[in-house]
Amino acid sequence: VRAGVFDKTGIMLARKVEPLRLRRP
């Protein structure tokens, strides 16, 4: 999962990434 914070001009001020749990049966 990626989350980004943007100002109203489209500049990304911060971005954080967190891993997901995925099962592969």
mmCIF file of all heavy atoms, coordinates in Angstrom:
data_MODEL
# 
_entry.id   MODEL 
# 
loop_
_atom_site.group_PDB 
_atom_site.id 
_atom_site.type_symbol 
_atom_site.label_atom_id 
_atom_site.label_alt_id 
_atom_site.label_comp_id 
_atom_site.label_asym_id 
_atom_site.label_entity_id 
_atom_site.label_seq_id 
_atom_site.pdbx_PDB_ins_code 
_atom_site.Cartn_x 
_atom_site.Cartn_y 
_atom_site.Cartn_z 
_atom_site.occupancy 
_atom_site.B_iso_or_equiv 
_atom_site.pdbx_formal_charge 
_atom_site.auth_seq_id 
_atom_site.auth_comp_id 
_atom_site.auth_asym_id 
_atom_site.auth_atom_id 
_atom_site.pdbx_PDB_model_num 
ATOM 1   N N   . VAL A 1 1  ? 0.862  -1.177  0.000  1.00 0.00 ? 1  VAL A N   1 
ATOM 2   C CA  . VAL A 1 1  ? 0.000  0.000   0.000  1.00 0.00 ? 1  VAL A CA  1 
ATOM 3   C C   . VAL A 1 1  ? 0.902  1.231   0.000  1.00 0.00 ? 1  VAL A C   1 
ATOM 4   O O   . VAL A 1 1  ? 1.833  1.329   0.802  1.00 0.00 ? 1  VAL A O   1 
ATOM 5   C CB  . VAL A 1 1  ? -0.922 0.033   1.236  1.00 0.00 ? 1  VAL A CB  1 
ATOM 6   C CG1 . VAL A 1 1  ? -1.742 1.322   1.253  1.00 0.00 ? 1  VAL A CG1 1 
ATOM 7   C CG2 . VAL A 1 1  ? -1.837 -1.174  1.264  1.00 0.00 ? 1  VAL A CG2 1 
ATOM 8   N N   . ARG A 1 2  ? 0.613  2.163   -0.908 1.00 0.00 ? 2  ARG A N   1 
ATOM 9   C CA  . ARG A 1 2  ? 1.346  3.419   -0.945 1.00 0.00 ? 2  ARG A CA  1 
ATOM 10  C C   . ARG A 1 2  ? 0.378  4.551   -0.623 1.00 0.00 ? 2  ARG A C   1 
ATOM 11  O O   . ARG A 1 2  ? -0.742 4.582   -1.147 1.00 0.00 ? 2  ARG A O   1 
ATOM 12  C CB  . ARG A 1 2  ? 1.990  3.652   -2.316 1.00 0.00 ? 2  ARG A CB  1 
ATOM 13  C CG  . ARG A 1 2  ? 2.932  2.553   -2.729 1.00 0.00 ? 2  ARG A CG  1 
ATOM 14  C CD  . ARG A 1 2  ? 3.784  2.940   -3.928 1.00 0.00 ? 2  ARG A CD  1 
ATOM 15  N NE  . ARG A 1 2  ? 3.017  3.281   -5.103 1.00 0.00 ? 2  ARG A NE  1 
ATOM 16  C CZ  . ARG A 1 2  ? 2.529  2.384   -5.972 1.00 0.00 ? 2  ARG A CZ  1 
ATOM 17  N NH1 . ARG A 1 2  ? 2.720  1.098   -5.759 1.00 0.00 ? 2  ARG A NH1 1 
ATOM 18  N NH2 . ARG A 1 2  ? 1.862  2.780   -7.046 1.00 0.00 ? 2  ARG A NH2 1 
ATOM 19  N N   . ALA A 1 3  ? 0.818  5.473   0.204  1.00 0.00 ? 3  ALA A N   1 
ATOM 20  C CA  . ALA A 1 3  ? 0.030  6.663   0.512  1.00 0.00 ? 3  ALA A CA  1 
ATOM 21  C C   . ALA A 1 3  ? 0.891  7.888   0.250  1.00 0.00 ? 3  ALA A C   1 
ATOM 22  O O   . ALA A 1 3  ? 2.067  7.926   0.633  1.00 0.00 ? 3  ALA A O   1 
ATOM 23  C CB  . ALA A 1 3  ? -0.451 6.649   1.962  1.00 0.00 ? 3  ALA A CB  1 
ATOM 24  N N   . GLY A 1 4  ? 0.326  8.877   -0.418 1.00 0.00 ? 4  GLY A N   1 
ATOM 25  C CA  . GLY A 1 4  ? 1.054  10.100  -0.725 1.00 0.00 ? 4  GLY A CA  1 
ATOM 26  C C   . GLY A 1 4  ? 0.265  11.324  -0.325 1.00 0.00 ? 4  GLY A C   1 
ATOM 27  O O   . GLY A 1 4  ? -0.969 11.340  -0.435 1.00 0.00 ? 4  GLY A O   1 
ATOM 28  N N   . VAL A 1 5  ? 0.973  12.347  0.139  1.00 0.00 ? 5  VAL A N   1 
ATOM 29  C CA  . VAL A 1 5  ? 0.362  13.623  0.499  1.00 0.00 ? 5  VAL A CA  1 
ATOM 30  C C   . VAL A 1 5  ? 0.746  14.645  -0.559 1.00 0.00 ? 5  VAL A C   1 
ATOM 31  O O   . VAL A 1 5  ? 1.932  14.811  -0.878 1.00 0.00 ? 5  VAL A O   1 
ATOM 32  C CB  . VAL A 1 5  ? 0.824  14.098  1.883  1.00 0.00 ? 5  VAL A CB  1 
ATOM 33  C CG1 . VAL A 1 5  ? 0.200  15.450  2.225  1.00 0.00 ? 5  VAL A CG1 1 
ATOM 34  C CG2 . VAL A 1 5  ? 0.463  13.065  2.952  1.00 0.00 ? 5  VAL A CG2 1 
ATOM 35  N N   . PHE A 1 6  ? -0.254 15.330  -1.126 1.00 0.00 ? 6  PHE A N   1 
ATOM 36  C CA  . PHE A 1 6  ? -0.038 16.296  -2.199 1.00 0.00 ? 6  PHE A CA  1 
ATOM 37  C C   . PHE A 1 6  ? -0.602 17.657  -1.806 1.00 0.00 ? 6  PHE A C   1 
ATOM 38  O O   . PHE A 1 6  ? -1.641 17.741  -1.141 1.00 0.00 ? 6  PHE A O   1 
ATOM 39  C CB  . PHE A 1 6  ? -0.746 15.845  -3.475 1.00 0.00 ? 6  PHE A CB  1 
ATOM 40  C CG  . PHE A 1 6  ? -0.160 14.618  -4.123 1.00 0.00 ? 6  PHE A CG  1 
ATOM 41  C CD1 . PHE A 1 6  ? -0.424 13.351  -3.616 1.00 0.00 ? 6  PHE A CD1 1 
ATOM 42  C CD2 . PHE A 1 6  ? 0.646  14.728  -5.239 1.00 0.00 ? 6  PHE A CD2 1 
ATOM 43  C CE1 . PHE A 1 6  ? 0.095  12.218  -4.220 1.00 0.00 ? 6  PHE A CE1 1 
ATOM 44  C CE2 . PHE A 1 6  ? 1.183  13.604  -5.846 1.00 0.00 ? 6  PHE A CE2 1 
ATOM 45  C CZ  . PHE A 1 6  ? 0.909  12.340  -5.338 1.00 0.00 ? 6  PHE A CZ  1 
ATOM 46  N N   . ASP A 1 7  ? 0.085  18.724  -2.258 1.00 0.00 ? 7  ASP A N   1 
ATOM 47  C CA  . ASP A 1 7  ? -0.527 20.044  -2.131 1.00 0.00 ? 7  ASP A CA  1 
ATOM 48  C C   . ASP A 1 7  ? -1.405 20.297  -3.347 1.00 0.00 ? 7  ASP A C   1 
ATOM 49  O O   . ASP A 1 7  ? -1.478 19.471  -4.261 1.00 0.00 ? 7  ASP A O   1 
ATOM 50  C CB  . ASP A 1 7  ? 0.525  21.136  -1.923 1.00 0.00 ? 7  ASP A CB  1 
ATOM 51  C CG  . ASP A 1 7  ? 1.386  21.401  -3.159 1.00 0.00 ? 7  ASP A CG  1 
ATOM 52  O OD1 . ASP A 1 7  ? 1.026  20.972  -4.268 1.00 0.00 ? 7  ASP A OD1 1 
ATOM 53  O OD2 . ASP A 1 7  ? 2.431  22.073  -3.003 1.00 0.00 ? 7  ASP A OD2 1 
ATOM 54  N N   . LYS A 1 8  ? -2.073 21.432  -3.388 1.00 0.00 ? 8  LYS A N   1 
ATOM 55  C CA  . LYS A 1 8  ? -3.070 21.658  -4.439 1.00 0.00 ? 8  LYS A CA  1 
ATOM 56  C C   . LYS A 1 8  ? -2.452 21.906  -5.808 1.00 0.00 ? 8  LYS A C   1 
ATOM 57  O O   . LYS A 1 8  ? -3.154 21.928  -6.812 1.00 0.00 ? 8  LYS A O   1 
ATOM 58  C CB  . LYS A 1 8  ? -3.995 22.798  -4.054 1.00 0.00 ? 8  LYS A CB  1 
ATOM 59  C CG  . LYS A 1 8  ? -3.339 24.172  -3.982 1.00 0.00 ? 8  LYS A CG  1 
ATOM 60  C CD  . LYS A 1 8  ? -4.327 25.217  -3.484 1.00 0.00 ? 8  LYS A CD  1 
ATOM 61  C CE  . LYS A 1 8  ? -5.518 25.356  -4.394 1.00 0.00 ? 8  LYS A CE  1 
ATOM 62  N NZ  . LYS A 1 8  ? -6.476 26.397  -3.928 1.00 0.00 ? 8  LYS A NZ  1 
ATOM 63  N N   . THR A 1 9  ? -1.118 22.079  -5.875 1.00 0.00 ? 9  THR A N   1 
ATOM 64  C CA  . THR A 1 9  ? -0.459 22.223  -7.168 1.00 0.00 ? 9  THR A CA  1 
ATOM 65  C C   . THR A 1 9  ? 0.054  20.893  -7.710 1.00 0.00 ? 9  THR A C   1 
ATOM 66  O O   . THR A 1 9  ? 0.661  20.846  -8.789 1.00 0.00 ? 9  THR A O   1 
ATOM 67  C CB  . THR A 1 9  ? 0.718  23.202  -7.075 1.00 0.00 ? 9  THR A CB  1 
ATOM 68  O OG1 . THR A 1 9  ? 1.773  22.632  -6.293 1.00 0.00 ? 9  THR A OG1 1 
ATOM 69  C CG2 . THR A 1 9  ? 0.293  24.525  -6.455 1.00 0.00 ? 9  THR A CG2 1 
ATOM 70  N N   . GLY A 1 10 ? -0.157 19.795  -6.972 1.00 0.00 ? 10 GLY A N   1 
ATOM 71  C CA  . GLY A 1 10 ? 0.258  18.475  -7.430 1.00 0.00 ? 10 GLY A CA  1 
ATOM 72  C C   . GLY A 1 10 ? 1.629  18.048  -6.953 1.00 0.00 ? 10 GLY A C   1 
ATOM 73  O O   . GLY A 1 10 ? 2.126  16.997  -7.376 1.00 0.00 ? 10 GLY A O   1 
ATOM 74  N N   . ILE A 1 11 ? 2.263  18.816  -6.092 1.00 0.00 ? 11 ILE A N   1 
ATOM 75  C CA  . ILE A 1 11 ? 3.568  18.432  -5.557 1.00 0.00 ? 11 ILE A CA  1 
ATOM 76  C C   . ILE A 1 11 ? 3.366  17.424  -4.430 1.00 0.00 ? 11 ILE A C   1 
ATOM 77  O O   . ILE A 1 11 ? 2.578  17.665  -3.502 1.00 0.00 ? 11 ILE A O   1 
ATOM 78  C CB  . ILE A 1 11 ? 4.340  19.658  -5.039 1.00 0.00 ? 11 ILE A CB  1 
ATOM 79  C CG1 . ILE A 1 11 ? 4.676  20.584  -6.209 1.00 0.00 ? 11 ILE A CG1 1 
ATOM 80  C CG2 . ILE A 1 11 ? 5.623  19.241  -4.317 1.00 0.00 ? 11 ILE A CG2 1 
ATOM 81  C CD1 . ILE A 1 11 ? 5.330  21.887  -5.793 1.00 0.00 ? 11 ILE A CD1 1 
ATOM 82  N N   . MET A 1 12 ? 4.073  16.304  -4.513 1.00 0.00 ? 12 MET A N   1 
ATOM 83  C CA  . MET A 1 12 ? 3.977  15.281  -3.478 1.00 0.00 ? 12 MET A CA  1 
ATOM 84  C C   . MET A 1 12 ? 4.947  15.621  -2.351 1.00 0.00 ? 12 MET A C   1 
ATOM 85  O O   . MET A 1 12 ? 6.158  15.695  -2.552 1.00 0.00 ? 12 MET A O   1 
ATOM 86  C CB  . MET A 1 12 ? 4.255  13.893  -4.041 1.00 0.00 ? 12 MET A CB  1 
ATOM 87  C CG  . MET A 1 12 ? 4.037  12.777  -3.027 1.00 0.00 ? 12 MET A CG  1 
ATOM 88  S SD  . MET A 1 12 ? 3.889  11.122  -3.762 1.00 0.00 ? 12 MET A SD  1 
ATOM 89  C CE  . MET A 1 12 ? 5.475  10.951  -4.569 1.00 0.00 ? 12 MET A CE  1 
ATOM 90  N N   . LEU A 1 13 ? 4.406  15.812  -1.158 1.00 0.00 ? 13 LEU A N   1 
ATOM 91  C CA  . LEU A 1 13 ? 5.207  16.216  -0.004 1.00 0.00 ? 13 LEU A CA  1 
ATOM 92  C C   . LEU A 1 13 ? 5.760  15.031  0.769  1.00 0.00 ? 13 LEU A C   1 
ATOM 93  O O   . LEU A 1 13 ? 6.790  15.152  1.437  1.00 0.00 ? 13 LEU A O   1 
ATOM 94  C CB  . LEU A 1 13 ? 4.363  17.087  0.930  1.00 0.00 ? 13 LEU A CB  1 
ATOM 95  C CG  . LEU A 1 13 ? 3.701  18.312  0.299  1.00 0.00 ? 13 LEU A CG  1 
ATOM 96  C CD1 . LEU A 1 13 ? 2.884  19.063  1.342  1.00 0.00 ? 13 LEU A CD1 1 
ATOM 97  C CD2 . LEU A 1 13 ? 4.738  19.228  -0.343 1.00 0.00 ? 13 LEU A CD2 1 
ATOM 98  N N   . ALA A 1 14 ? 5.083  13.905  0.711  1.00 0.00 ? 14 ALA A N   1 
ATOM 99  C CA  . ALA A 1 14 ? 5.529  12.712  1.441  1.00 0.00 ? 14 ALA A CA  1 
ATOM 100 C C   . ALA A 1 14 ? 4.884  11.490  0.830  1.00 0.00 ? 14 ALA A C   1 
ATOM 101 O O   . ALA A 1 14 ? 3.789  11.559  0.261  1.00 0.00 ? 14 ALA A O   1 
ATOM 102 C CB  . ALA A 1 14 ? 5.179  12.822  2.926  1.00 0.00 ? 14 ALA A CB  1 
ATOM 103 N N   . ARG A 1 15 ? 5.589  10.361  0.943  1.00 0.00 ? 15 ARG A N   1 
ATOM 104 C CA  . ARG A 1 15 ? 5.088  9.088   0.409  1.00 0.00 ? 15 ARG A CA  1 
ATOM 105 C C   . ARG A 1 15 ? 5.546  7.968   1.327  1.00 0.00 ? 15 ARG A C   1 
ATOM 106 O O   . ARG A 1 15 ? 6.724  7.895   1.680  1.00 0.00 ? 15 ARG A O   1 
ATOM 107 C CB  . ARG A 1 15 ? 5.637  8.868   -1.001 1.00 0.00 ? 15 ARG A CB  1 
ATOM 108 C CG  . ARG A 1 15 ? 5.262  7.551   -1.686 1.00 0.00 ? 15 ARG A CG  1 
ATOM 109 C CD  . ARG A 1 15 ? 5.875  7.556   -3.080 1.00 0.00 ? 15 ARG A CD  1 
ATOM 110 N NE  . ARG A 1 15 ? 5.598  6.352   -3.850 1.00 0.00 ? 15 ARG A NE  1 
ATOM 111 C CZ  . ARG A 1 15 ? 6.373  5.260   -3.847 1.00 0.00 ? 15 ARG A CZ  1 
ATOM 112 N NH1 . ARG A 1 15 ? 7.473  5.222   -3.112 1.00 0.00 ? 15 ARG A NH1 1 
ATOM 113 N NH2 . ARG A 1 15 ? 6.053  4.223   -4.582 1.00 0.00 ? 15 ARG A NH2 1 
ATOM 114 N N   . LYS A 1 16 ? 4.631  7.112   1.722  1.00 0.00 ? 16 LYS A N   1 
ATOM 115 C CA  . LYS A 1 16 ? 4.967  5.994   2.587  1.00 0.00 ? 16 LYS A CA  1 
ATOM 116 C C   . LYS A 1 16 ? 4.437  4.688   1.983  1.00 0.00 ? 16 LYS A C   1 
ATOM 117 O O   . LYS A 1 16 ? 3.371  4.669   1.361  1.00 0.00 ? 16 LYS A O   1 
ATOM 118 C CB  . LYS A 1 16 ? 4.366  6.186   3.991  1.00 0.00 ? 16 LYS A CB  1 
ATOM 119 C CG  . LYS A 1 16 ? 5.025  7.308   4.787  1.00 0.00 ? 16 LYS A CG  1 
ATOM 120 C CD  . LYS A 1 16 ? 6.496  7.003   5.083  1.00 0.00 ? 16 LYS A CD  1 
ATOM 121 C CE  . LYS A 1 16 ? 7.156  8.113   5.889  1.00 0.00 ? 16 LYS A CE  1 
ATOM 122 N NZ  . LYS A 1 16 ? 8.581  7.820   6.172  1.00 0.00 ? 16 LYS A NZ  1 
ATOM 123 N N   . VAL A 1 17 ? 5.194  3.623   2.185  1.00 0.00 ? 17 VAL A N   1 
ATOM 124 C CA  . VAL A 1 17 ? 4.863  2.319   1.625  1.00 0.00 ? 17 VAL A CA  1 
ATOM 125 C C   . VAL A 1 17 ? 4.804  1.297   2.750  1.00 0.00 ? 17 VAL A C   1 
ATOM 126 O O   . VAL A 1 17 ? 5.698  1.254   3.606  1.00 0.00 ? 17 VAL A O   1 
ATOM 127 C CB  . VAL A 1 17 ? 5.907  1.873   0.577  1.00 0.00 ? 17 VAL A CB  1 
ATOM 128 C CG1 . VAL A 1 17 ? 5.507  0.526   -0.034 1.00 0.00 ? 17 VAL A CG1 1 
ATOM 129 C CG2 . VAL A 1 17 ? 6.076  2.931   -0.504 1.00 0.00 ? 17 VAL A CG2 1 
ATOM 130 N N   . GLU A 1 18 ? 3.761  0.475   2.751  1.00 0.00 ? 18 GLU A N   1 
ATOM 131 C CA  . GLU A 1 18 ? 3.609  -0.586  3.732  1.00 0.00 ? 18 GLU A CA  1 
ATOM 132 C C   . GLU A 1 18 ? 3.328  -1.903  3.006  1.00 0.00 ? 18 GLU A C   1 
ATOM 133 O O   . GLU A 1 18 ? 2.515  -1.944  2.080  1.00 0.00 ? 18 GLU A O   1 
ATOM 134 C CB  . GLU A 1 18 ? 2.456  -0.287  4.703  1.00 0.00 ? 18 GLU A CB  1 
ATOM 135 C CG  . GLU A 1 18 ? 2.674  0.922   5.597  1.00 0.00 ? 18 GLU A CG  1 
ATOM 136 C CD  . GLU A 1 18 ? 3.750  0.692   6.651  1.00 0.00 ? 18 GLU A CD  1 
ATOM 137 O OE1 . GLU A 1 18 ? 3.982  -0.488  7.003  1.00 0.00 ? 18 GLU A OE1 1 
ATOM 138 O OE2 . GLU A 1 18 ? 4.349  1.682   7.110  1.00 0.00 ? 18 GLU A OE2 1 
ATOM 139 N N   . PRO A 1 19 ? 3.982  -3.009  3.393  1.00 0.00 ? 19 PRO A N   1 
ATOM 140 C CA  . PRO A 1 19 ? 3.775  -4.284  2.702  1.00 0.00 ? 19 PRO A CA  1 
ATOM 141 C C   . PRO A 1 19 ? 2.434  -4.908  3.035  1.00 0.00 ? 19 PRO A C   1 
ATOM 142 O O   . PRO A 1 19 ? 1.880  -4.711  4.127  1.00 0.00 ? 19 PRO A O   1 
ATOM 143 C CB  . PRO A 1 19 ? 4.924  -5.155  3.213  1.00 0.00 ? 19 PRO A CB  1 
ATOM 144 C CG  . PRO A 1 19 ? 5.232  -4.587  4.574  1.00 0.00 ? 19 PRO A CG  1 
ATOM 145 C CD  . PRO A 1 19 ? 4.990  -3.112  4.469  1.00 0.00 ? 19 PRO A CD  1 
ATOM 146 N N   . LEU A 1 20 ? 1.919  -5.692  2.082  1.00 0.00 ? 20 LEU A N   1 
ATOM 147 C CA  . LEU A 1 20 ? 0.668  -6.419  2.269  1.00 0.00 ? 20 LEU A CA  1 
ATOM 148 C C   . LEU A 1 20 ? 0.930  -7.901  2.462  1.00 0.00 ? 20 LEU A C   1 
ATOM 149 O O   . LEU A 1 20 ? 1.887  -8.451  1.912  1.00 0.00 ? 20 LEU A O   1 
ATOM 150 C CB  . LEU A 1 20 ? -0.242 -6.244  1.043  1.00 0.00 ? 20 LEU A CB  1 
ATOM 151 C CG  . LEU A 1 20 ? -1.026 -4.945  0.913  1.00 0.00 ? 20 LEU A CG  1 
ATOM 152 C CD1 . LEU A 1 20 ? -1.759 -4.923  -0.419 1.00 0.00 ? 20 LEU A CD1 1 
ATOM 153 C CD2 . LEU A 1 20 ? -2.010 -4.775  2.060  1.00 0.00 ? 20 LEU A CD2 1 
ATOM 154 N N   . ARG A 1 21 ? 0.044  -8.544  3.209  1.00 0.00 ? 21 ARG A N   1 
ATOM 155 C CA  . ARG A 1 21 ? 0.096  -9.999  3.345  1.00 0.00 ? 21 ARG A CA  1 
ATOM 156 C C   . ARG A 1 21 ? -0.699 -10.603 2.189  1.00 0.00 ? 21 ARG A C   1 
ATOM 157 O O   . ARG A 1 21 ? -1.861 -10.295 1.985  1.00 0.00 ? 21 ARG A O   1 
ATOM 158 C CB  . ARG A 1 21 ? -0.512 -10.418 4.685  1.00 0.00 ? 21 ARG A CB  1 
ATOM 159 C CG  . ARG A 1 21 ? -0.489 -11.932 4.916  1.00 0.00 ? 21 ARG A CG  1 
ATOM 160 C CD  . ARG A 1 21 ? -1.203 -12.308 6.204  1.00 0.00 ? 21 ARG A CD  1 
ATOM 161 N NE  . ARG A 1 21 ? -0.465 -11.861 7.376  1.00 0.00 ? 21 ARG A NE  1 
ATOM 162 C CZ  . ARG A 1 21 ? -0.872 -10.908 8.191  1.00 0.00 ? 21 ARG A CZ  1 
ATOM 163 N NH1 . ARG A 1 21 ? -2.014 -10.266 7.953  1.00 0.00 ? 21 ARG A NH1 1 
ATOM 164 N NH2 . ARG A 1 21 ? -0.152 -10.562 9.233  1.00 0.00 ? 21 ARG A NH2 1 
ATOM 165 N N   . LEU A 1 22 ? -0.059 -11.475 1.425  1.00 0.00 ? 22 LEU A N   1 
ATOM 166 C CA  . LEU A 1 22 ? -0.677 -12.122 0.275  1.00 0.00 ? 22 LEU A CA  1 
ATOM 167 C C   . LEU A 1 22 ? -0.496 -13.624 0.384  1.00 0.00 ? 22 LEU A C   1 
ATOM 168 O O   . LEU A 1 22 ? 0.626  -14.105 0.547  1.00 0.00 ? 22 LEU A O   1 
ATOM 169 C CB  . LEU A 1 22 ? -0.046 -11.608 -1.026 1.00 0.00 ? 22 LEU A CB  1 
ATOM 170 C CG  . LEU A 1 22 ? -0.407 -12.345 -2.326 1.00 0.00 ? 22 LEU A CG  1 
ATOM 171 C CD1 . LEU A 1 22 ? -1.901 -12.228 -2.612 1.00 0.00 ? 22 LEU A CD1 1 
ATOM 172 C CD2 . LEU A 1 22 ? 0.414  -11.780 -3.492 1.00 0.00 ? 22 LEU A CD2 1 
ATOM 173 N N   . ARG A 1 23 ? -1.581 -14.352 0.298  1.00 0.00 ? 23 ARG A N   1 
ATOM 174 C CA  . ARG A 1 23 ? -1.528 -15.815 0.307  1.00 0.00 ? 23 ARG A CA  1 
ATOM 175 C C   . ARG A 1 23 ? -1.578 -16.323 -1.123 1.00 0.00 ? 23 ARG A C   1 
ATOM 176 O O   . ARG A 1 23 ? -2.407 -15.878 -1.920 1.00 0.00 ? 23 ARG A O   1 
ATOM 177 C CB  . ARG A 1 23 ? -2.703 -16.372 1.110  1.00 0.00 ? 23 ARG A CB  1 
ATOM 178 C CG  . ARG A 1 23 ? -2.764 -17.898 1.148  1.00 0.00 ? 23 ARG A CG  1 
ATOM 179 C CD  . ARG A 1 23 ? -3.890 -18.374 2.069  1.00 0.00 ? 23 ARG A CD  1 
ATOM 180 N NE  . ARG A 1 23 ? -3.978 -19.833 2.051  1.00 0.00 ? 23 ARG A NE  1 
ATOM 181 C CZ  . ARG A 1 23 ? -4.828 -20.525 1.293  1.00 0.00 ? 23 ARG A CZ  1 
ATOM 182 N NH1 . ARG A 1 23 ? -5.695 -19.882 0.506  1.00 0.00 ? 23 ARG A NH1 1 
ATOM 183 N NH2 . ARG A 1 23 ? -4.841 -21.843 1.318  1.00 0.00 ? 23 ARG A NH2 1 
ATOM 184 N N   . ARG A 1 24 ? -0.685 -17.250 -1.469 1.00 0.00 ? 24 ARG A N   1 
ATOM 185 C CA  . ARG A 1 24 ? -0.634 -17.809 -2.822 1.00 0.00 ? 24 ARG A CA  1 
ATOM 186 C C   . ARG A 1 24 ? -0.927 -19.302 -2.752 1.00 0.00 ? 24 ARG A C   1 
ATOM 187 O O   . ARG A 1 24 ? -0.019 -20.131 -2.672 1.00 0.00 ? 24 ARG A O   1 
ATOM 188 C CB  . ARG A 1 24 ? 0.748  -17.575 -3.449 1.00 0.00 ? 24 ARG A CB  1 
ATOM 189 C CG  . ARG A 1 24 ? 1.145  -16.118 -3.635 1.00 0.00 ? 24 ARG A CG  1 
ATOM 190 C CD  . ARG A 1 24 ? 0.266  -15.410 -4.640 1.00 0.00 ? 24 ARG A CD  1 
ATOM 191 N NE  . ARG A 1 24 ? 0.373  -16.004 -5.961 1.00 0.00 ? 24 ARG A NE  1 
ATOM 192 C CZ  . ARG A 1 24 ? 1.196  -15.577 -6.915 1.00 0.00 ? 24 ARG A CZ  1 
ATOM 193 N NH1 . ARG A 1 24 ? 2.002  -14.556 -6.670 1.00 0.00 ? 24 ARG A NH1 1 
ATOM 194 N NH2 . ARG A 1 24 ? 1.222  -16.162 -8.094 1.00 0.00 ? 24 ARG A NH2 1 
ATOM 195 N N   . PRO A 1 25 ? -2.216 -19.704 -2.757 1.00 0.00 ? 25 PRO A N   1 
ATOM 196 C CA  . PRO A 1 25 ? -2.549 -21.130 -2.662 1.00 0.00 ? 25 PRO A CA  1 
ATOM 197 C C   . PRO A 1 25 ? -2.280 -21.916 -3.938 1.00 0.00 ? 25 PRO A C   1 
ATOM 198 O O   . PRO A 1 25 ? -2.407 -23.139 -3.943 1.00 0.00 ? 25 PRO A O   1 
ATOM 199 C CB  . PRO A 1 25 ? -4.046 -21.111 -2.339 1.00 0.00 ? 25 PRO A CB  1 
ATOM 200 C CG  . PRO A 1 25 ? -4.538 -19.827 -2.902 1.00 0.00 ? 25 PRO A CG  1 
ATOM 201 C CD  . PRO A 1 25 ? -3.410 -18.847 -2.746 1.00 0.00 ? 25 PRO A CD  1 
# 
